[in-house]
Amino acid sequence: QVTLVESGGGLVQAGGSLRLSCAISGRTLSDNVMAWFHQAPGKEREFVAGRNWGGGTYYTDSAKGRFTISRDNAKNTVYLQMNSLKPEDTAVYYCAASRQTLLVNPPRDPIEYSDWGQGTQVTVSS
């Protein structure tokens, strides 16, 4: 059984930075896409960034240039470094692992992900 546990959220002023962590246990998930989604109140869960099995990274236009997804295989942990944060980044952030393995392009639809963490709140004040 796979368990994903996020941490690192918090309250930060606009322009600040946070680093989210997603600790993976149960399996390495090295062949799966690992992705970060966010969900703001009253809105659907949305893809933010993803990393494929080969290390390729993909971002939404909003995240590109500000966020970086990475993975430490020794710690079996995925990170999301978020810089230049904006109030519109405020949301609960979730780590997820894809259903399929060896995908090149991370799916954007949450239905394509089978394992999820509990989420961590990120609040950016103006």
Foldseek 3Di string as FASTA:
>chain_A
DKAWAKDWADEEAQQAKIKMKIQIPDDLLLFWKKFKWWDAPPGDIWTAKIAHSVGDIDGDPVQPPFWDWDADSVRSMIMIIGGRDDQVVWTWMKMFTFPDGNDDDDDTDPVRTDYIHPTDTHGYHD
